[in-house]
Amino acid sequence: MWKYFKVVIKVLFPIIWAYFSWIISYSNHPEKYPFDKRWEKVQKIVRKVIKAFNVQLNQDDIDKFYENMDKSKNHLFVCNHISDIDPLIFIAAAKRPITFVAKIESEKYPLVGRVIKIIDGKFMDRDDLKQSLKIMLKIQDMLLHHEPIDVVIFPEGTRNKQGDLSNTLPYHHGSFRPAFKAKSPIDVFMITGDEKVLTYKNNIKKFDVNIALLKTYTEEDYANLTTNEVASESQKITEENLKKYY
């Protein structure tokens, strides 16, 4: 609890100021504001929150990825999901704009839901097949036509609440379909170290968090594969690497 008190002291007023000065207006009418301006403001406030939680983000792996990535295309990022703070870690680490496919429930969250709208994120109802298909088509269109932006999706569909984080939940093959249709690169990431950041009871003073690239599938790599095969391979690679940490 003391940890949260300190976080509130550090970021409460900046968040309140941001909420009423631009978050409400940007989320209600994102089309009225340039995307790069919206992204810049979101990343700035997110980095303040991450710093307040004493997250020490290892940038080496992610920096190397951005140096070598194919910047001529929008990418689909897929990653294991171990904490509700995972999206903030990605936003803080990003070297160019990213957005998310989020669960439909998060649309109602007063802060998170608005932030996702500001950066053109999409909300998916996994219990509604028709709605899910429409969202996947929108993601496909975004990968093809949006100004430079990468889309992050957690193919497990929800946060992994199992005790053993070295085993992921099943990766849903439909998460990979927009990239197949758009012929976009698929980057398989692994996030580690942030599973305790939001917990009340711990004595950890800082959290060493890392985002590591495990594999990139180009259009040529998955040309003769199915989404099921890529999902299965991605999950297997992720679990093999997670066992080194958990």
Protein backbone atom coordinates (compact mmCIF):
# COMPACT_ATOMS: atom_id res chain seq x y z
CA MET A 1 0.00 0.00 0.00
CA TRP A 2 2.87 2.38 0.82
CA LYS A 3 4.19 1.79 -2.70
CA TYR A 4 0.94 3.03 -4.21
CA PHE A 5 0.94 6.05 -1.90
CA LYS A 6 4.36 7.04 -3.19
CA VAL A 7 3.27 6.53 -6.79
CA VAL A 8 0.21 8.72 -6.23
CA ILE A 9 2.40 11.45 -4.73
CA LYS A 10 4.66 11.39 -7.79
CA VAL A 11 2.12 11.27 -10.61
CA LEU A 12 -1.33 12.18 -9.29
CA PHE A 13 -1.20 15.86 -10.21
CA PRO A 14 0.41 15.32 -13.65
CA ILE A 15 -2.26 12.72 -14.46
CA ILE A 16 -5.11 14.94 -13.23
CA TRP A 17 -3.74 17.85 -15.26
CA ALA A 18 -3.35 15.66 -18.34
CA TYR A 19 -6.80 14.13 -17.91
CA PHE A 20 -8.64 17.41 -17.96
CA SER A 21 -6.32 19.37 -20.26
CA TRP A 22 -6.07 16.88 -23.14
CA ILE A 23 -6.95 13.23 -22.40
CA ILE A 24 -10.72 13.82 -22.41
CA SER A 25 -10.74 15.90 -25.58
CA TYR A 26 -8.21 13.72 -27.42
CA SER A 27 -10.12 10.52 -26.60
CA ASN A 28 -13.55 11.94 -27.46
CA HIS A 29 -12.43 13.26 -30.84
CA PRO A 30 -9.04 11.79 -31.77
CA GLU A 31 -9.65 12.58 -35.43
CA LYS A 32 -9.33 16.30 -34.66
CA TYR A 33 -5.72 16.01 -33.54
CA PRO A 34 -2.59 14.88 -35.41
CA PHE A 35 -1.68 11.32 -34.50
CA ASP A 36 1.98 12.10 -33.83
CA LYS A 37 0.96 14.76 -31.31
CA ARG A 38 -1.42 12.35 -29.55
CA TRP A 39 1.23 9.64 -29.42
CA GLU A 40 3.90 12.00 -28.07
CA LYS A 41 1.70 13.12 -25.18
CA VAL A 42 0.64 9.57 -24.28
CA GLN A 43 4.21 8.27 -24.25
CA LYS A 44 5.38 11.18 -22.10
CA ILE A 45 2.78 10.62 -19.37
CA VAL A 46 3.24 6.82 -19.49
CA ARG A 47 6.98 7.17 -18.96
CA LYS A 48 6.28 9.24 -15.86
CA VAL A 49 4.03 6.49 -14.49
CA ILE A 50 6.60 3.78 -15.22
CA LYS A 51 9.30 5.81 -13.50
CA ALA A 52 7.06 6.35 -10.46
CA PHE A 53 6.71 2.57 -10.07
CA ASN A 54 10.52 2.26 -10.09
CA VAL A 55 10.55 0.15 -13.21
CA GLN A 56 14.08 -0.21 -14.59
CA LEU A 57 13.50 -1.03 -18.22
CA ASN A 58 16.35 -2.75 -20.02
CA GLN A 59 16.37 -0.97 -23.37
CA ASP A 60 19.25 -2.89 -24.97
CA ASP A 61 17.18 -5.59 -26.66
CA ILE A 62 14.38 -3.33 -27.77
CA ASP A 63 16.79 -0.66 -29.03
CA LYS A 64 18.63 -3.25 -31.11
CA PHE A 65 15.32 -4.43 -32.55
CA TYR A 66 14.31 -0.94 -33.64
CA GLU A 67 17.72 -0.34 -35.21
CA ASN A 68 17.34 -3.40 -37.44
CA MET A 69 13.59 -3.52 -38.09
CA ASP A 70 12.06 -3.07 -41.52
CA LYS A 71 10.68 0.46 -41.13
CA SER A 72 9.01 0.44 -44.52
CA LYS A 73 6.11 -1.60 -43.12
CA ASN A 74 3.86 -1.59 -40.10
CA HIS A 75 4.52 -4.57 -37.85
CA LEU A 76 2.37 -6.84 -35.71
CA PHE A 77 3.91 -7.38 -32.27
CA VAL A 78 2.78 -10.46 -30.32
CA CYS A 79 3.83 -11.02 -26.73
CA ASN A 80 3.08 -13.02 -23.60
CA HIS A 81 0.88 -11.21 -21.09
CA ILE A 82 1.87 -11.38 -17.41
CA SER A 83 0.73 -8.05 -15.97
CA ASP A 84 -1.80 -5.29 -16.53
CA ILE A 85 1.17 -2.95 -16.83
CA ASP A 86 2.51 -4.74 -19.93
CA PRO A 87 0.99 -2.21 -22.38
CA LEU A 88 2.57 0.68 -20.49
CA ILE A 89 5.96 -1.03 -20.68
CA PHE A 90 5.61 -1.32 -24.45
CA ILE A 91 4.57 2.32 -24.80
CA ALA A 92 7.50 3.49 -22.68
CA ALA A 93 10.00 1.40 -24.66
CA ALA A 94 8.72 2.14 -28.17
CA LYS A 95 10.88 4.04 -30.64
CA ARG A 96 7.97 4.70 -32.97
CA PRO A 97 4.20 4.78 -32.37
CA ILE A 98 2.37 1.64 -31.30
CA THR A 99 -1.22 0.80 -30.53
CA PHE A 100 -3.12 -2.15 -29.05
CA VAL A 101 -5.92 -4.60 -29.44
CA ALA A 102 -7.52 -4.55 -25.99
CA LYS A 103 -10.31 -6.49 -24.33
CA ILE A 104 -13.69 -4.82 -24.59
CA GLU A 105 -13.95 -4.32 -20.82
CA SER A 106 -11.02 -1.91 -20.81
CA GLU A 107 -12.95 0.56 -22.96
CA LYS A 108 -14.87 1.58 -19.83
CA TYR A 109 -11.77 2.21 -17.73
CA PRO A 110 -11.65 5.99 -17.17
CA LEU A 111 -7.94 6.38 -17.90
CA VAL A 112 -6.73 3.27 -19.74
CA GLY A 113 -9.74 3.17 -22.05
CA ARG A 114 -9.26 6.79 -23.06
CA VAL A 115 -5.52 6.34 -23.64
CA ILE A 116 -6.16 3.38 -25.96
CA LYS A 117 -8.65 5.49 -27.94
CA ILE A 118 -6.14 8.34 -28.19
CA ILE A 119 -3.57 6.10 -29.90
CA ASP A 120 -6.17 4.55 -32.23
CA GLY A 121 -6.41 1.25 -30.35
CA LYS A 122 -9.26 -1.21 -30.88
CA PHE A 123 -11.45 -3.01 -28.34
CA MET A 124 -12.33 -6.64 -28.95
CA ASP A 125 -15.17 -8.68 -27.51
CA ARG A 126 -13.86 -12.23 -27.72
CA ASP A 127 -17.33 -13.56 -26.89
CA ASP A 128 -18.76 -11.91 -29.99
CA LEU A 129 -17.35 -13.58 -33.10
CA LYS A 130 -18.87 -11.06 -35.52
CA GLN A 131 -17.45 -8.10 -33.58
CA SER A 132 -14.04 -9.79 -33.27
CA LEU A 133 -13.86 -10.33 -37.02
CA LYS A 134 -14.66 -6.67 -37.66
CA ILE A 135 -11.88 -5.61 -35.29
CA MET A 136 -9.40 -7.92 -37.02
CA LEU A 137 -10.33 -6.35 -40.36
CA LYS A 138 -9.70 -2.90 -38.88
CA ILE A 139 -6.30 -4.04 -37.63
CA GLN A 140 -5.52 -5.42 -41.07
CA ASP A 141 -6.44 -2.07 -42.61
CA MET A 142 -4.32 -0.24 -40.03
CA LEU A 143 -1.29 -2.40 -40.83
CA LEU A 144 -1.77 -1.59 -44.50
CA HIS A 145 -2.68 2.09 -44.48
CA HIS A 146 -2.07 3.85 -41.15
CA GLU A 147 0.83 6.27 -40.92
CA PRO A 148 3.79 4.45 -39.30
CA ILE A 149 2.41 2.47 -36.41
CA ASP A 150 2.93 -1.01 -35.01
CA VAL A 151 0.11 -3.01 -33.46
CA VAL A 152 0.60 -4.93 -30.21
CA ILE A 153 -1.63 -7.88 -29.46
CA PHE A 154 -1.44 -10.37 -26.61
CA PRO A 155 -2.44 -13.65 -28.31
CA GLU A 156 -3.30 -15.32 -25.00
CA GLY A 157 -6.33 -13.06 -24.97
CA THR A 158 -6.03 -12.20 -21.28
CA ARG A 159 -3.40 -11.83 -18.59
CA ASN A 160 -1.75 -15.08 -17.52
CA LYS A 161 -2.79 -15.62 -13.90
CA GLN A 162 -1.20 -19.03 -13.54
CA GLY A 163 1.38 -19.48 -10.83
CA ASP A 164 3.96 -20.77 -13.31
CA LEU A 165 4.67 -17.95 -15.74
CA SER A 166 6.99 -20.14 -17.81
CA ASN A 167 3.88 -21.69 -19.36
CA THR A 168 1.70 -19.32 -21.35
CA LEU A 169 -1.98 -19.61 -22.05
CA PRO A 170 -2.77 -20.89 -25.57
CA TYR A 171 -1.93 -18.42 -28.33
CA HIS A 172 -5.06 -17.73 -30.40
CA HIS A 173 -4.23 -18.16 -34.07
CA GLY A 174 -6.73 -15.48 -35.07
CA SER A 175 -4.44 -12.87 -33.52
CA PHE A 176 -1.98 -13.48 -36.35
CA ARG A 177 -4.47 -13.28 -39.20
CA PRO A 178 -4.34 -9.47 -39.78
CA ALA A 179 -0.60 -9.68 -40.43
CA PHE A 180 -1.08 -12.61 -42.84
CA LYS A 181 -3.68 -10.63 -44.79
CA ALA A 182 -1.65 -7.41 -44.75
CA LYS A 183 1.62 -9.26 -45.44
CA SER A 184 3.17 -7.49 -42.47
CA PRO A 185 6.14 -8.68 -40.41
CA ILE A 186 5.23 -10.49 -37.19
CA ASP A 187 7.57 -9.89 -34.27
CA VAL A 188 7.40 -12.34 -31.38
CA PHE A 189 8.37 -10.68 -28.10
CA MET A 190 8.77 -11.88 -24.54
CA ILE A 191 8.27 -9.63 -21.54
CA THR A 192 9.69 -10.54 -18.13
CA GLY A 193 10.05 -8.94 -14.72
CA ASP A 194 6.95 -6.80 -14.39
CA GLU A 195 4.57 -9.36 -12.90
CA LYS A 196 4.96 -7.92 -9.38
CA VAL A 197 4.97 -4.21 -10.20
CA LEU A 198 1.28 -3.74 -9.37
CA THR A 199 1.09 -6.08 -6.38
CA TYR A 200 0.44 -4.57 -2.97
CA LYS A 201 2.66 -6.82 -0.88
CA ASN A 202 6.30 -6.83 -1.86
CA ASN A 203 9.49 -5.23 -0.61
CA ILE A 204 11.08 -4.80 -4.01
CA LYS A 205 12.48 -1.32 -4.42
CA LYS A 206 12.93 -1.54 -8.17
CA PHE A 207 11.71 -3.84 -10.92
CA ASP A 208 14.07 -4.96 -13.65
CA VAL A 209 11.92 -5.41 -16.74
CA ASN A 210 12.97 -6.61 -20.15
CA ILE A 211 11.30 -6.88 -23.56
CA ALA A 212 13.18 -9.29 -25.78
CA LEU A 213 12.64 -10.07 -29.45
CA LEU A 214 12.53 -13.84 -29.95
CA LYS A 215 11.72 -14.15 -33.65
CA THR A 216 10.57 -12.15 -36.64
CA TYR A 217 8.37 -13.74 -39.29
CA THR A 218 8.58 -11.97 -42.63
CA GLU A 219 6.02 -12.47 -45.38
CA GLU A 220 8.37 -15.01 -46.95
CA ASP A 221 8.74 -16.88 -43.65
CA TYR A 222 5.03 -17.53 -43.18
CA ALA A 223 4.04 -17.77 -46.85
CA ASN A 224 3.68 -21.56 -46.63
CA LEU A 225 2.48 -21.68 -43.02
CA THR A 226 -0.96 -21.40 -41.47
CA THR A 227 -1.89 -19.01 -38.66
CA ASN A 228 -2.26 -22.07 -36.43
CA GLU A 229 1.32 -23.11 -37.16
CA VAL A 230 2.76 -19.65 -36.52
CA ALA A 231 0.75 -19.31 -33.31
CA SER A 232 1.97 -22.69 -32.10
CA GLU A 233 5.60 -21.95 -33.00
CA SER A 234 5.44 -18.53 -31.35
CA GLN A 235 4.04 -19.97 -28.14
CA LYS A 236 6.67 -22.72 -28.09
CA ILE A 237 9.55 -20.26 -28.62
CA THR A 238 8.18 -17.99 -25.91
CA GLU A 239 7.80 -20.78 -23.36
CA GLU A 240 11.29 -22.10 -24.07
CA ASN A 241 12.74 -18.68 -23.30
CA LEU A 242 10.48 -18.00 -20.32
CA LYS A 243 11.88 -21.10 -18.61
CA LYS A 244 15.21 -19.27 -18.36
CA TYR A 245 13.55 -16.63 -16.14
CA TYR A 246 10.80 -18.42 -14.20
